Amino acid sequence: MERFIPTKANKKFEENRVELQTVLRGIIDKKKKAIKLGEASHCDDLLGILLESNSKEIEEDGVGMSMEDVIEECKLFYIAGSETTSNLIVYTMVCLSLHQEWQIKARDEILQVFGAGELYFEGLKNLKILTMILNEVLRLYTPVIMITRATDKETKLGNMMIPPGVQLSLAMIHVHHDCEIWGDDATEFKPDRFSEGVINATRGKGSSPFFPFSSGPRVCIGQNFAITEAKVAIALILQRFSFELSPSYKHSPFPVFTMPPQFGAHLILHKIS
């Protein structure tokens, strides 16, 4: 109910929501028109594929997604495919600026594997230190702070029986900062907690408490792509630059649905000769 209270932040959120709806509606209408006129193909991009799939479903079954449904899918494309990965890269650079010793370790590993040459996929899989760093950033600055699930049948959760049709919120941000799972240093940046994998990082709790991309049959389909994309970006930067925080930087994670830095991330880069 909090989002319906007319606070300044909620009013701004609603303005942004309406503006985004309008922009996406225009993009969708433009794409539909281009396809109809033969100026674009259904296979050009994700939106085209989505519209083609929806059109076939309507033809075959008589039902399909409404314009509002398509708009919501487009929002998901953007948030899941762009903002979350960019936040991961930004917070990784912030953490490596705050903890220069880990920046040095990551760079040394990257130069050992690739030198100053081009990156390749098999080499990315050998970046153990960078993987530890990314896992720790994902834990501290979870890309999506909360997900929801709904019970489709009566379900037992601990000592509670939950009837069907109940929505459950899973607050990853709280689980990832829980001292009972991660130890008294749960709020600290310590990538070496992942040195022996996720299972050994949770004080005997297994891998379940670490779910930055959700888990189970509805795990994020782009998980591996997002991690690979972040590895490539960070590796390319570390090959070429060292970096530190600008004096103007203000640490201000802003948890909404995702968790972007509220005032941006001001960094100073130094070219490596």
C-alpha atoms as a PDB file:
ATOM      1  CA  MET A   1       0.000   0.000   0.000  1.00  0.00           C
ATOM      2  CA  GLU A   2       2.970   2.351   0.532  1.00  0.00           C
ATOM      3  CA  ARG A   3       3.253   3.163  -3.174  1.00  0.00           C
ATOM      4  CA  PHE A   4      -0.288   4.608  -3.188  1.00  0.00           C
ATOM      5  CA  ILE A   5       0.526   7.219  -0.535  1.00  0.00           C
ATOM      6  CA  PRO A   6       0.977  10.563  -2.386  1.00  0.00           C
ATOM      7  CA  THR A   7       4.531  11.243  -1.240  1.00  0.00           C
ATOM      8  CA  LYS A   8       6.938  13.221  -3.408  1.00  0.00           C
ATOM      9  CA  ALA A   9       8.805  10.034  -4.360  1.00  0.00           C
ATOM     10  CA  ASN A  10       5.597   8.173  -5.231  1.00  0.00           C
ATOM     11  CA  LYS A  11       4.323  11.078  -7.335  1.00  0.00           C
ATOM     12  CA  LYS A  12       7.613  11.126  -9.242  1.00  0.00           C
ATOM     13  CA  PHE A  13       7.433   7.348  -9.663  1.00  0.00           C
ATOM     14  CA  GLU A  14       3.910   7.634 -11.112  1.00  0.00           C
ATOM     15  CA  GLU A  15       5.000  10.405 -13.498  1.00  0.00           C
ATOM     16  CA  ASN A  16       7.884   8.248 -14.700  1.00  0.00           C
ATOM     17  CA  ARG A  17       5.606   5.213 -15.036  1.00  0.00           C
ATOM     18  CA  VAL A  18       3.125   7.119 -17.215  1.00  0.00           C
ATOM     19  CA  GLU A  19       5.934   8.571 -19.343  1.00  0.00           C
ATOM     20  CA  LEU A  20       7.488   5.129 -19.833  1.00  0.00           C
ATOM     21  CA  GLN A  21       4.091   3.655 -20.770  1.00  0.00           C
ATOM     22  CA  THR A  22       3.639   6.391 -23.394  1.00  0.00           C
ATOM     23  CA  VAL A  23       7.125   5.925 -24.862  1.00  0.00           C
ATOM     24  CA  LEU A  24       6.759   2.135 -25.065  1.00  0.00           C
ATOM     25  CA  ARG A  25       3.290   2.396 -26.601  1.00  0.00           C
ATOM     26  CA  GLY A  26       4.771   4.616 -29.318  1.00  0.00           C
ATOM     27  CA  ILE A  27       7.632   2.172 -29.978  1.00  0.00           C
ATOM     28  CA  ILE A  28       5.219  -0.773 -30.213  1.00  0.00           C
ATOM     29  CA  ASP A  29       2.836   1.071 -32.560  1.00  0.00           C
ATOM     30  CA  LYS A  30       5.777   2.135 -34.739  1.00  0.00           C
ATOM     31  CA  LYS A  31       7.051  -1.457 -34.907  1.00  0.00           C
ATOM     32  CA  LYS A  32       3.611  -2.815 -35.813  1.00  0.00           C
ATOM     33  CA  LYS A  33       3.255  -0.234 -38.586  1.00  0.00           C
ATOM     34  CA  ALA A  34       6.751  -0.958 -39.961  1.00  0.00           C
ATOM     35  CA  ILE A  35       6.023  -4.702 -40.062  1.00  0.00           C
ATOM     36  CA  LYS A  36       2.673  -4.113 -41.781  1.00  0.00           C
ATOM     37  CA  LEU A  37       4.328  -1.928 -44.444  1.00  0.00           C
ATOM     38  CA  GLY A  38       7.143  -4.439 -44.946  1.00  0.00           C
ATOM     39  CA  GLU A  39       9.758  -2.011 -43.654  1.00  0.00           C
ATOM     40  CA  ALA A  40      10.774  -4.324 -40.790  1.00  0.00           C
ATOM     41  CA  SER A  41      10.809  -8.036 -40.038  1.00  0.00           C
ATOM     42  CA  HIS A  42       9.367  -9.927 -37.089  1.00  0.00           C
ATOM     43  CA  CYS A  43      12.847 -11.365 -36.583  1.00  0.00           C
ATOM     44  CA  ASP A  44      14.690  -8.040 -36.292  1.00  0.00           C
ATOM     45  CA  ASP A  45      14.534  -7.875 -32.506  1.00  0.00           C
ATOM     46  CA  LEU A  46      12.837  -9.200 -29.367  1.00  0.00           C
ATOM     47  CA  LEU A  47       9.844  -6.909 -29.799  1.00  0.00           C
ATOM     48  CA  GLY A  48       9.232  -8.206 -33.318  1.00  0.00           C
ATOM     49  CA  ILE A  49       9.444 -11.823 -32.147  1.00  0.00           C
ATOM     50  CA  LEU A  50       7.043 -11.067 -29.285  1.00  0.00           C
ATOM     51  CA  LEU A  51       4.519  -9.401 -31.605  1.00  0.00           C
ATOM     52  CA  GLU A  52       4.703 -12.282 -34.090  1.00  0.00           C
ATOM     53  CA  SER A  53       4.206 -14.867 -31.343  1.00  0.00           C
ATOM     54  CA  ASN A  54       1.254 -12.929 -29.953  1.00  0.00           C
ATOM     55  CA  SER A  55      -0.289 -12.541 -33.407  1.00  0.00           C
ATOM     56  CA  LYS A  56      -0.083 -16.309 -34.032  1.00  0.00           C
ATOM     57  CA  GLU A  57      -1.628 -17.050 -30.637  1.00  0.00           C
ATOM     58  CA  ILE A  58      -4.559 -14.741 -31.387  1.00  0.00           C
ATOM     59  CA  GLU A  59      -5.065 -16.360 -34.823  1.00  0.00           C
ATOM     60  CA  GLU A  60      -4.914 -19.924 -33.476  1.00  0.00           C
ATOM     61  CA  ASP A  61      -6.614 -19.587 -30.083  1.00  0.00           C
ATOM     62  CA  GLY A  62      -8.542 -16.348 -30.329  1.00  0.00           C
ATOM     63  CA  VAL A  63      -6.790 -14.932 -27.276  1.00  0.00           C
ATOM     64  CA  GLY A  64      -3.470 -13.233 -26.715  1.00  0.00           C
ATOM     65  CA  MET A  65      -1.736 -10.410 -24.943  1.00  0.00           C
ATOM     66  CA  SER A  66      -3.305  -6.973 -24.780  1.00  0.00           C
ATOM     67  CA  MET A  67      -1.346  -3.806 -25.521  1.00  0.00           C
ATOM     68  CA  GLU A  68      -0.863  -3.379 -21.765  1.00  0.00           C
ATOM     69  CA  ASP A  69       0.577  -6.908 -21.531  1.00  0.00           C
ATOM     70  CA  VAL A  70       3.020  -6.185 -24.370  1.00  0.00           C
ATOM     71  CA  ILE A  71       4.083  -2.948 -22.646  1.00  0.00           C
ATOM     72  CA  GLU A  72       4.760  -4.860 -19.416  1.00  0.00           C
ATOM     73  CA  GLU A  73       6.879  -7.390 -21.336  1.00  0.00           C
ATOM     74  CA  CYS A  74       8.879  -4.526 -22.854  1.00  0.00           C
ATOM     75  CA  LYS A  75       9.510  -3.152 -19.370  1.00  0.00           C
ATOM     76  CA  LEU A  76      10.790  -6.578 -18.373  1.00  0.00           C
ATOM     77  CA  PHE A  77      13.128  -6.662 -21.395  1.00  0.00           C
ATOM     78  CA  TYR A  78      14.613  -3.355 -20.296  1.00  0.00           C
ATOM     79  CA  ILE A  79      14.875  -3.985 -16.555  1.00  0.00           C
ATOM     80  CA  ALA A  80      16.031  -7.598 -16.769  1.00  0.00           C
ATOM     81  CA  GLY A  81      18.253  -7.174 -19.796  1.00  0.00           C
ATOM     82  CA  SER A  82      19.834  -3.795 -19.249  1.00  0.00           C
ATOM     83  CA  GLU A  83      19.468  -2.030 -15.922  1.00  0.00           C
ATOM     84  CA  THR A  84      20.308  -5.017 -13.724  1.00  0.00           C
ATOM     85  CA  THR A  85      23.549  -5.797 -15.574  1.00  0.00           C
ATOM     86  CA  SER A  86      24.588  -2.144 -15.705  1.00  0.00           C
ATOM     87  CA  ASN A  87      24.024  -1.876 -11.937  1.00  0.00           C
ATOM     88  CA  LEU A  88      26.181  -4.971 -11.407  1.00  0.00           C
ATOM     89  CA  ILE A  89      29.015  -3.436 -13.439  1.00  0.00           C
ATOM     90  CA  VAL A  90      28.726  -0.066 -11.681  1.00  0.00           C
ATOM     91  CA  TYR A  91      28.733  -1.527  -8.164  1.00  0.00           C
ATOM     92  CA  THR A  92      31.639  -3.810  -9.064  1.00  0.00           C
ATOM     93  CA  MET A  93      33.673  -0.769 -10.084  1.00  0.00           C
ATOM     94  CA  VAL A  94      32.620   1.061  -6.917  1.00  0.00           C
ATOM     95  CA  CYS A  95      33.651  -1.883  -4.723  1.00  0.00           C
ATOM     96  CA  LEU A  96      36.971  -2.269  -6.543  1.00  0.00           C
ATOM     97  CA  SER A  97      37.569   1.452  -6.062  1.00  0.00           C
ATOM     98  CA  LEU A  98      36.880   1.155  -2.342  1.00  0.00           C
ATOM     99  CA  HIS A  99      38.986  -2.009  -2.053  1.00  0.00           C
ATOM    100  CA  GLN A 100      42.042  -1.421  -4.217  1.00  0.00           C
ATOM    101  CA  GLU A 101      43.659  -4.691  -3.130  1.00  0.00           C
ATOM    102  CA  TRP A 102      40.879  -6.606  -4.886  1.00  0.00           C
ATOM    103  CA  GLN A 103      41.182  -4.407  -7.964  1.00  0.00           C
ATOM    104  CA  ILE A 104      44.865  -5.345  -8.142  1.00  0.00           C
ATOM    105  CA  LYS A 105      44.108  -9.068  -7.649  1.00  0.00           C
ATOM    106  CA  ALA A 106      41.446  -9.024 -10.368  1.00  0.00           C
ATOM    107  CA  ARG A 107      43.687  -7.170 -12.821  1.00  0.00           C
ATOM    108  CA  ASP A 108      46.620  -9.505 -12.182  1.00  0.00           C
ATOM    109  CA  GLU A 109      44.389 -12.515 -12.874  1.00  0.00           C
ATOM    110  CA  ILE A 110      43.016 -10.987 -16.086  1.00  0.00           C
ATOM    111  CA  LEU A 111      46.488 -10.101 -17.366  1.00  0.00           C
ATOM    112  CA  GLN A 112      47.712 -13.590 -16.481  1.00  0.00           C
ATOM    113  CA  VAL A 113      44.915 -15.207 -18.508  1.00  0.00           C
ATOM    114  CA  PHE A 114      44.607 -12.771 -21.434  1.00  0.00           C
ATOM    115  CA  GLY A 115      47.610 -10.476 -21.240  1.00  0.00           C
ATOM    116  CA  ALA A 116      46.744  -7.289 -23.128  1.00  0.00           C
ATOM    117  CA  GLY A 117      45.098  -9.323 -25.890  1.00  0.00           C
ATOM    118  CA  GLU A 118      41.524 -10.077 -26.825  1.00  0.00           C
ATOM    119  CA  LEU A 119      39.198 -11.907 -24.467  1.00  0.00           C
ATOM    120  CA  TYR A 120      37.882 -15.373 -25.285  1.00  0.00           C
ATOM    121  CA  PHE A 121      35.100 -17.425 -23.725  1.00  0.00           C
ATOM    122  CA  GLU A 122      37.178 -20.253 -22.269  1.00  0.00           C
ATOM    123  CA  GLY A 123      39.441 -17.724 -20.584  1.00  0.00           C
ATOM    124  CA  LEU A 124      36.472 -15.993 -18.952  1.00  0.00           C
ATOM    125  CA  LYS A 125      35.570 -19.276 -17.262  1.00  0.00           C
ATOM    126  CA  ASN A 126      39.027 -19.349 -15.645  1.00  0.00           C
ATOM    127  CA  LEU A 127      38.642 -15.978 -13.896  1.00  0.00           C
ATOM    128  CA  LYS A 128      38.100 -17.315 -10.370  1.00  0.00           C
ATOM    129  CA  ILE A 129      38.896 -14.060  -8.542  1.00  0.00           C
ATOM    130  CA  LEU A 130      36.605 -11.994 -10.769  1.00  0.00           C
ATOM    131  CA  THR A 131      33.839 -14.573 -10.265  1.00  0.00           C
ATOM    132  CA  MET A 132      34.256 -14.280  -6.482  1.00  0.00           C
ATOM    133  CA  ILE A 133      34.081 -10.490  -6.743  1.00  0.00           C
ATOM    134  CA  LEU A 134      30.938 -10.555  -8.898  1.00  0.00           C
ATOM    135  CA  ASN A 135      29.233 -13.003  -6.522  1.00  0.00           C
ATOM    136  CA  GLU A 136      30.000 -10.727  -3.581  1.00  0.00           C
ATOM    137  CA  VAL A 137      28.687  -7.674  -5.441  1.00  0.00           C
ATOM    138  CA  LEU A 138      25.536  -9.609  -6.381  1.00  0.00           C
ATOM    139  CA  ARG A 139      25.102 -10.497  -2.716  1.00  0.00           C
ATOM    140  CA  LEU A 140      25.589  -6.982  -1.372  1.00  0.00           C
ATOM    141  CA  TYR A 141      23.822  -5.127  -4.195  1.00  0.00           C
ATOM    142  CA  THR A 142      21.234  -7.611  -5.415  1.00  0.00           C
ATOM    143  CA  PRO A 143      20.075  -6.610  -8.936  1.00  0.00           C
ATOM    144  CA  VAL A 144      16.393  -7.101  -8.055  1.00  0.00           C
ATOM    145  CA  ILE A 145      15.676  -6.633  -4.364  1.00  0.00           C
ATOM    146  CA  MET A 146      12.486  -8.690  -4.206  1.00  0.00           C
ATOM    147  CA  ILE A 147      10.573 -11.253  -6.247  1.00  0.00           C
ATOM    148  CA  THR A 148       7.059 -12.616  -5.818  1.00  0.00           C
ATOM    149  CA  ARG A 149       5.693 -16.122  -6.118  1.00  0.00           C
ATOM    150  CA  ALA A 150       2.118 -17.391  -5.822  1.00  0.00           C
ATOM    151  CA  THR A 151       0.908 -20.677  -4.360  1.00  0.00           C
ATOM    152  CA  ASP A 152      -1.083 -22.758  -6.869  1.00  0.00           C
ATOM    153  CA  LYS A 153      -2.130 -25.268  -4.191  1.00  0.00           C
ATOM    154  CA  GLU A 154      -2.135 -25.560  -0.410  1.00  0.00           C
ATOM    155  CA  THR A 155       1.508 -25.361   0.614  1.00  0.00           C
ATOM    156  CA  LYS A 156       3.291 -25.997   3.903  1.00  0.00           C
ATOM    157  CA  LEU A 157       5.959 -23.437   4.754  1.00  0.00           C
ATOM    158  CA  GLY A 158       7.629 -24.218   8.056  1.00  0.00           C
ATOM    159  CA  ASN A 159       4.767 -24.584  10.534  1.00  0.00           C
ATOM    160  CA  MET A 160       2.344 -22.602   8.360  1.00  0.00           C
ATOM    161  CA  MET A 161      -0.196 -23.903   5.880  1.00  0.00           C
ATOM    162  CA  ILE A 162      -0.680 -21.402   3.060  1.00  0.00           C
ATOM    163  CA  PRO A 163      -3.839 -21.680   0.938  1.00  0.00           C
ATOM    164  CA  PRO A 164      -3.704 -21.523  -2.870  1.00  0.00           C
ATOM    165  CA  GLY A 165      -3.675 -18.136  -4.575  1.00  0.00           C
ATOM    166  CA  VAL A 166      -1.526 -16.363  -1.988  1.00  0.00           C
ATOM    167  CA  GLN A 167       1.288 -14.088  -3.196  1.00  0.00           C
ATOM    168  CA  LEU A 168       4.577 -14.459  -1.330  1.00  0.00           C
ATOM    169  CA  SER A 169       7.345 -11.865  -1.436  1.00  0.00           C
ATOM    170  CA  LEU A 170      10.931 -13.106  -1.303  1.00  0.00           C
ATOM    171  CA  ALA A 171      13.188 -10.289  -0.143  1.00  0.00           C
ATOM    172  CA  MET A 172      16.565 -11.315  -1.550  1.00  0.00           C
ATOM    173  CA  ILE A 173      18.178  -8.160  -0.200  1.00  0.00           C
ATOM    174  CA  HIS A 174      17.437  -9.251   3.385  1.00  0.00           C
ATOM    175  CA  VAL A 175      18.453 -12.879   2.875  1.00  0.00           C
ATOM    176  CA  HIS A 176      21.735 -11.793   1.293  1.00  0.00           C
ATOM    177  CA  HIS A 177      22.525  -9.593   4.319  1.00  0.00           C
ATOM    178  CA  ASP A 178      21.464 -12.088   7.003  1.00  0.00           C
ATOM    179  CA  CYS A 179      24.219 -12.566   9.602  1.00  0.00           C
ATOM    180  CA  GLU A 180      22.917 -16.044  10.482  1.00  0.00           C
ATOM    181  CA  ILE A 181      23.686 -17.139   6.931  1.00  0.00           C
ATOM    182  CA  TRP A 182      26.762 -15.096   6.029  1.00  0.00           C
ATOM    183  CA  GLY A 183      28.340 -14.351   9.406  1.00  0.00           C
ATOM    184  CA  ASP A 184      28.888 -11.183  11.405  1.00  0.00           C
ATOM    185  CA  ASP A 185      30.651  -9.616   8.408  1.00  0.00           C
ATOM    186  CA  ALA A 186      27.533  -9.985   6.207  1.00  0.00           C
ATOM    187  CA  THR A 187      27.463  -6.269   5.377  1.00  0.00           C
ATOM    188  CA  GLU A 188      31.160  -6.158   4.451  1.00  0.00           C
ATOM    189  CA  PHE A 189      32.739  -6.639   1.022  1.00  0.00           C
ATOM    190  CA  LYS A 190      34.683  -9.895   1.340  1.00  0.00           C
ATOM    191  CA  PRO A 191      34.861 -11.797  -1.964  1.00  0.00           C
ATOM    192  CA  ASP A 192      37.009 -14.526  -0.421  1.00  0.00           C
ATOM    193  CA  ARG A 193      33.891 -15.887   1.288  1.00  0.00           C
ATOM    194  CA  PHE A 194      33.169 -17.381  -2.174  1.00  0.00           C
ATOM    195  CA  SER A 195      36.672 -18.849  -2.603  1.00  0.00           C
ATOM    196  CA  GLU A 196      35.307 -22.397  -2.247  1.00  0.00           C
ATOM    197  CA  GLY A 197      32.063 -21.806  -4.104  1.00  0.00           C
ATOM    198  CA  VAL A 198      28.596 -20.675  -3.084  1.00  0.00           C
ATOM    199  CA  ILE A 199      27.766 -23.768  -1.019  1.00  0.00           C
ATOM    200  CA  ASN A 200      30.688 -23.169   1.350  1.00  0.00           C
ATOM    201  CA  ALA A 201      29.995 -19.433   1.649  1.00  0.00           C
ATOM    202  CA  THR A 202      26.739 -19.780   3.591  1.00  0.00           C
ATOM    203  CA  ARG A 203      27.930 -21.392   6.845  1.00  0.00           C
ATOM    204  CA  GLY A 204      26.387 -24.769   6.076  1.00  0.00           C
ATOM    205  CA  LYS A 205      23.126 -23.424   4.646  1.00  0.00           C
ATOM    206  CA  GLY A 206      23.843 -24.668   1.103  1.00  0.00           C
ATOM    207  CA  SER A 207      23.386 -22.651  -2.081  1.00  0.00           C
ATOM    208  CA  SER A 208      19.683 -21.791  -1.587  1.00  0.00           C
ATOM    209  CA  PRO A 209      20.249 -18.516   0.370  1.00  0.00           C
ATOM    210  CA  PHE A 210      22.151 -17.047  -2.602  1.00  0.00           C
ATOM    211  CA  PHE A 211      19.656 -16.317  -5.368  1.00  0.00           C
ATOM    212  CA  PRO A 212      20.409 -12.971  -7.062  1.00  0.00           C
ATOM    213  CA  PHE A 213      18.744 -14.270 -10.245  1.00  0.00           C
ATOM    214  CA  SER A 214      15.941 -16.119  -8.427  1.00  0.00           C
ATOM    215  CA  SER A 215      16.027 -19.932  -8.444  1.00  0.00           C
ATOM    216  CA  GLY A 216      14.065 -23.016  -9.403  1.00  0.00           C
ATOM    217  CA  PRO A 217      12.107 -23.450 -12.647  1.00  0.00           C
ATOM    218  CA  ARG A 218      11.569 -19.675 -12.923  1.00  0.00           C
ATOM    219  CA  VAL A 219      15.216 -18.704 -12.539  1.00  0.00           C
ATOM    220  CA  CYS A 220      16.238 -15.733 -14.700  1.00  0.00           C
ATOM    221  CA  ILE A 221      16.750 -16.987 -18.248  1.00  0.00           C
ATOM    222  CA  GLY A 222      19.502 -14.398 -18.779  1.00  0.00           C
ATOM    223  CA  GLN A 223      21.600 -15.326 -15.726  1.00  0.00           C
ATOM    224  CA  ASN A 224      24.610 -16.764 -17.561  1.00  0.00           C
ATOM    225  CA  PHE A 225      24.503 -14.042 -20.204  1.00  0.00           C
ATOM    226  CA  ALA A 226      24.431 -11.300 -17.549  1.00  0.00           C
ATOM    227  CA  ILE A 227      27.422 -12.768 -15.692  1.00  0.00           C
ATOM    228  CA  THR A 228      29.373 -13.180 -18.938  1.00  0.00           C
ATOM    229  CA  GLU A 229      28.506  -9.632 -20.025  1.00  0.00           C
ATOM    230  CA  ALA A 230      29.698  -8.245 -16.671  1.00  0.00           C
ATOM    231  CA  LYS A 231      32.918 -10.290 -16.823  1.00  0.00           C
ATOM    232  CA  VAL A 232      33.695  -8.991 -20.310  1.00  0.00           C
ATOM    233  CA  ALA A 233      33.028  -5.360 -19.362  1.00  0.00           C
ATOM    234  CA  ILE A 234      35.054  -5.467 -16.131  1.00  0.00           C
ATOM    235  CA  ALA A 235      37.905  -7.421 -17.734  1.00  0.00           C
ATOM    236  CA  LEU A 236      38.192  -4.941 -20.619  1.00  0.00           C
ATOM    237  CA  ILE A 237      38.226  -2.009 -18.191  1.00  0.00           C
ATOM    238  CA  LEU A 238      40.801  -3.599 -15.870  1.00  0.00           C
ATOM    239  CA  GLN A 239      43.070  -4.407 -18.823  1.00  0.00           C
ATOM    240  CA  ARG A 240      43.213  -0.741 -19.746  1.00  0.00           C
ATOM    241  CA  PHE A 241      42.498   1.359 -16.664  1.00  0.00           C
ATOM    242  CA  SER A 242      42.934   1.660 -12.942  1.00  0.00           C
ATOM    243  CA  PHE A 243      40.197   3.600 -11.185  1.00  0.00           C
ATOM    244  CA  GLU A 244      39.229   5.227  -7.923  1.00  0.00           C
ATOM    245  CA  LEU A 245      36.248   7.048  -6.471  1.00  0.00           C
ATOM    246  CA  SER A 246      35.860  10.738  -7.191  1.00  0.00           C
ATOM    247  CA  PRO A 247      35.756  13.001  -4.106  1.00  0.00           C
ATOM    248  CA  SER A 248      32.217  13.896  -5.218  1.00  0.00           C
ATOM    249  CA  TYR A 249      31.023  10.288  -4.950  1.00  0.00           C
ATOM    250  CA  LYS A 250      28.241   9.680  -2.452  1.00  0.00           C
ATOM    251  CA  HIS A 251      27.438   6.059  -1.634  1.00  0.00           C
ATOM    252  CA  SER A 252      23.664   5.839  -1.910  1.00  0.00           C
ATOM    253  CA  PRO A 253      22.156   2.536  -3.088  1.00  0.00           C
ATOM    254  CA  PHE A 254      18.521   3.299  -3.859  1.00  0.00           C
ATOM    255  CA  PRO A 255      16.328   0.199  -3.441  1.00  0.00           C
ATOM    256  CA  VAL A 256      13.184   0.438  -5.543  1.00  0.00           C
ATOM    257  CA  PHE A 257      12.592  -2.652  -7.701  1.00  0.00           C
ATOM    258  CA  THR A 258      16.225  -2.680  -8.753  1.00  0.00           C
ATOM    259  CA  MET A 259      18.912  -0.908  -6.710  1.00  0.00           C
ATOM    260  CA  PRO A 260      20.681   1.791  -8.748  1.00  0.00           C
ATOM    261  CA  PRO A 261      23.036   4.302  -7.101  1.00  0.00           C
ATOM    262  CA  GLN A 262      20.770   7.278  -6.397  1.00  0.00           C
ATOM    263  CA  PHE A 263      23.370   9.916  -7.304  1.00  0.00           C
ATOM    264  CA  GLY A 264      25.323   7.926  -9.876  1.00  0.00           C
ATOM    265  CA  ALA A 265      28.851   6.604  -9.507  1.00  0.00           C
ATOM    266  CA  HIS A 266      31.560   9.211 -10.047  1.00  0.00           C
ATOM    267  CA  LEU A 267      34.864   7.488 -10.774  1.00  0.00           C
ATOM    268  CA  ILE A 268      38.299   8.674 -11.869  1.00  0.00           C
ATOM    269  CA  LEU A 269      39.983   6.440 -14.455  1.00  0.00           C
ATOM    270  CA  HIS A 270      43.727   6.298 -15.103  1.00  0.00           C
ATOM    271  CA  LYS A 271      45.000   4.859 -18.389  1.00  0.00           C
ATOM    272  CA  ILE A 272      47.418   1.966 -17.916  1.00  0.00           C
ATOM    273  CA  SER A 273      50.407   2.331 -20.220  1.00  0.00           C
END
